[in-house]
Protein backbone atom coordinates (compact mmCIF):
# COMPACT_ATOMS: atom_id res chain seq x y z
CA GLN A 1 4.22 -70.17 143.09
CA VAL A 2 5.48 -71.71 139.87
CA GLN A 3 8.36 -69.10 138.94
CA LEU A 4 10.56 -68.76 135.64
CA GLU A 5 14.25 -67.60 134.99
CA GLU A 6 15.86 -67.57 131.78
CA SER A 7 19.79 -66.89 131.03
CA GLY A 8 22.48 -66.68 128.79
CA GLY A 9 21.30 -64.17 125.87
CA GLY A 10 23.28 -61.75 124.50
CA LEU A 11 25.14 -60.19 121.51
CA VAL A 12 26.56 -62.89 118.86
CA LYS A 13 27.51 -62.29 115.69
CA PRO A 14 25.85 -64.18 112.35
CA ALA A 15 25.97 -67.69 112.28
CA GLY A 16 27.28 -67.87 115.84
CA THR A 17 26.26 -69.35 118.91
CA LEU A 18 23.79 -69.08 121.61
CA THR A 19 22.41 -71.53 124.86
CA LEU A 20 20.22 -70.63 127.06
CA THR A 21 18.74 -72.03 130.14
CA CYS A 22 15.41 -71.61 132.22
CA GLU A 23 15.28 -72.47 135.02
CA ILE A 24 11.67 -73.94 136.38
CA SER A 25 11.10 -73.74 140.84
CA GLY A 26 8.08 -74.11 142.46
CA SER A 27 7.25 -77.30 140.80
CA SER A 28 8.23 -79.95 139.14
CA ILE A 29 8.49 -79.86 135.72
CA GLY A 30 8.53 -83.96 135.03
CA SER A 31 5.00 -84.02 133.95
CA TYR A 32 5.09 -80.54 132.10
CA ALA A 33 5.40 -79.75 128.29
CA MET A 34 8.01 -77.11 128.30
CA TYR A 35 8.05 -73.96 125.15
CA TRP A 36 10.37 -71.48 124.25
CA TYR A 37 8.64 -68.31 122.59
CA ARG A 38 10.07 -65.24 121.31
CA GLN A 39 9.36 -61.91 121.14
CA PRO A 40 11.03 -59.48 118.35
CA PRO A 41 10.44 -55.59 118.94
CA LYS A 42 7.11 -54.56 117.97
CA LYS A 43 5.70 -58.11 116.49
CA ALA A 44 4.24 -60.84 118.24
CA ARG A 45 5.05 -63.59 120.19
CA GLU A 46 6.12 -66.75 118.12
CA MET A 47 6.38 -70.24 119.74
CA VAL A 48 10.10 -71.07 118.86
CA ALA A 49 10.13 -75.20 120.09
CA SER A 50 8.44 -77.08 122.27
CA ILE A 51 9.24 -80.55 124.39
CA SER A 52 7.01 -82.87 125.77
CA SER A 53 7.64 -83.70 129.26
CA ASP A 54 9.78 -86.84 128.13
CA GLY A 55 11.44 -85.45 126.48
CA GLY A 56 10.74 -87.17 122.95
CA ARG A 57 8.89 -84.88 120.99
CA PRO A 58 10.65 -81.98 120.20
CA ASP A 59 9.07 -79.94 118.07
CA TYR A 60 10.12 -76.54 115.77
CA ALA A 61 9.15 -73.18 114.40
CA ASP A 62 9.68 -73.21 110.64
CA PRO A 63 11.88 -70.35 110.96
CA VAL A 64 13.98 -71.73 113.54
CA ARG A 65 13.73 -75.40 112.36
CA GLY A 66 18.03 -77.38 111.64
CA ARG A 67 19.49 -74.33 113.94
CA PHE A 68 17.48 -74.50 117.42
CA LEU A 69 17.66 -77.54 119.71
CA ILE A 70 15.57 -77.85 122.46
CA SER A 71 15.96 -80.06 125.63
CA ARG A 72 15.14 -80.50 129.38
CA ASP A 73 16.44 -82.55 132.80
CA ASN A 74 13.95 -82.56 134.76
CA ALA A 75 16.13 -84.35 137.40
CA LYS A 76 17.47 -80.73 137.27
CA SER A 77 14.25 -78.38 136.90
CA THR A 78 15.89 -76.67 133.58
CA VAL A 79 15.25 -76.40 130.44
CA PHE A 80 17.44 -75.58 127.11
CA LEU A 81 17.73 -73.60 123.67
CA GLU A 82 20.50 -73.82 121.53
CA MET A 83 20.29 -71.67 119.00
CA ASN A 84 22.99 -72.02 116.15
CA ASN A 85 24.25 -70.05 113.24
CA LEU A 86 21.93 -67.06 114.13
CA ASN A 87 20.79 -64.28 111.52
CA GLU A 88 19.22 -61.40 110.94
CA ASP A 89 15.16 -62.85 111.65
CA ASP A 90 16.33 -64.35 115.51
CA PRO A 91 17.17 -60.85 117.58
CA ALA A 92 14.21 -60.89 119.90
CA ARG A 93 13.31 -61.78 123.87
CA TYR A 94 13.04 -64.89 124.58
CA LEU A 95 11.11 -66.93 127.07
CA CYS A 96 10.63 -69.73 129.11
CA ASN A 97 6.79 -70.91 129.55
CA VAL A 98 5.31 -74.00 130.84
CA PHE A 99 1.28 -74.72 131.28
CA ALA A 100 1.66 -76.54 135.37
CA PHE A 101 -0.92 -77.12 138.08
CA THR A 102 -0.70 -75.71 141.84
CA SER A 103 -3.24 -76.40 144.18
CA SER A 104 -4.63 -72.71 143.11
CA GLY A 105 -5.19 -74.85 139.65
CA GLY A 106 -3.64 -74.47 135.87
CA GLN A 107 -2.54 -71.85 134.31
CA ASP A 108 0.30 -70.79 132.02
CA TYR A 109 4.26 -69.03 133.72
CA TRP A 110 6.30 -67.40 131.85
CA GLY A 111 9.68 -66.56 133.37
CA GLN A 112 11.27 -62.57 132.71
CA GLY A 113 13.08 -63.85 129.45
CA THR A 114 16.04 -62.89 128.21
CA GLN A 115 17.14 -60.29 125.50
CA VAL A 116 19.57 -62.10 121.90
CA THR A 117 20.72 -59.89 120.15
CA VAL A 118 22.68 -60.30 116.57
CA SER A 119 25.00 -58.09 114.88
CA SER A 120 28.38 -58.25 113.92
């Protein structure tokens, strides 16, 4: 059973920084691209960052490009999202995602998410 657990969310002031962590268990993530999504209140879920299996090809949604940094530590089955210069458009529940294969086949796995609030 693949499980993802996000942490690191919280309340931060505008222009502040938070680093989110996603810990994966039940599977080695070294073969999979990893994704961070966010879901603001009453809005659709959107992808904010992705990273290739070897960490060599990070990609970002336009609203966060230049402010967010995705990274990974395959040895620790952990993915990070460093969020800098947070603004009023960033509050959301942030979720980690992987499409992984197990003996049951391939499917999307999601964590419960971690809440990010930006307020002065």
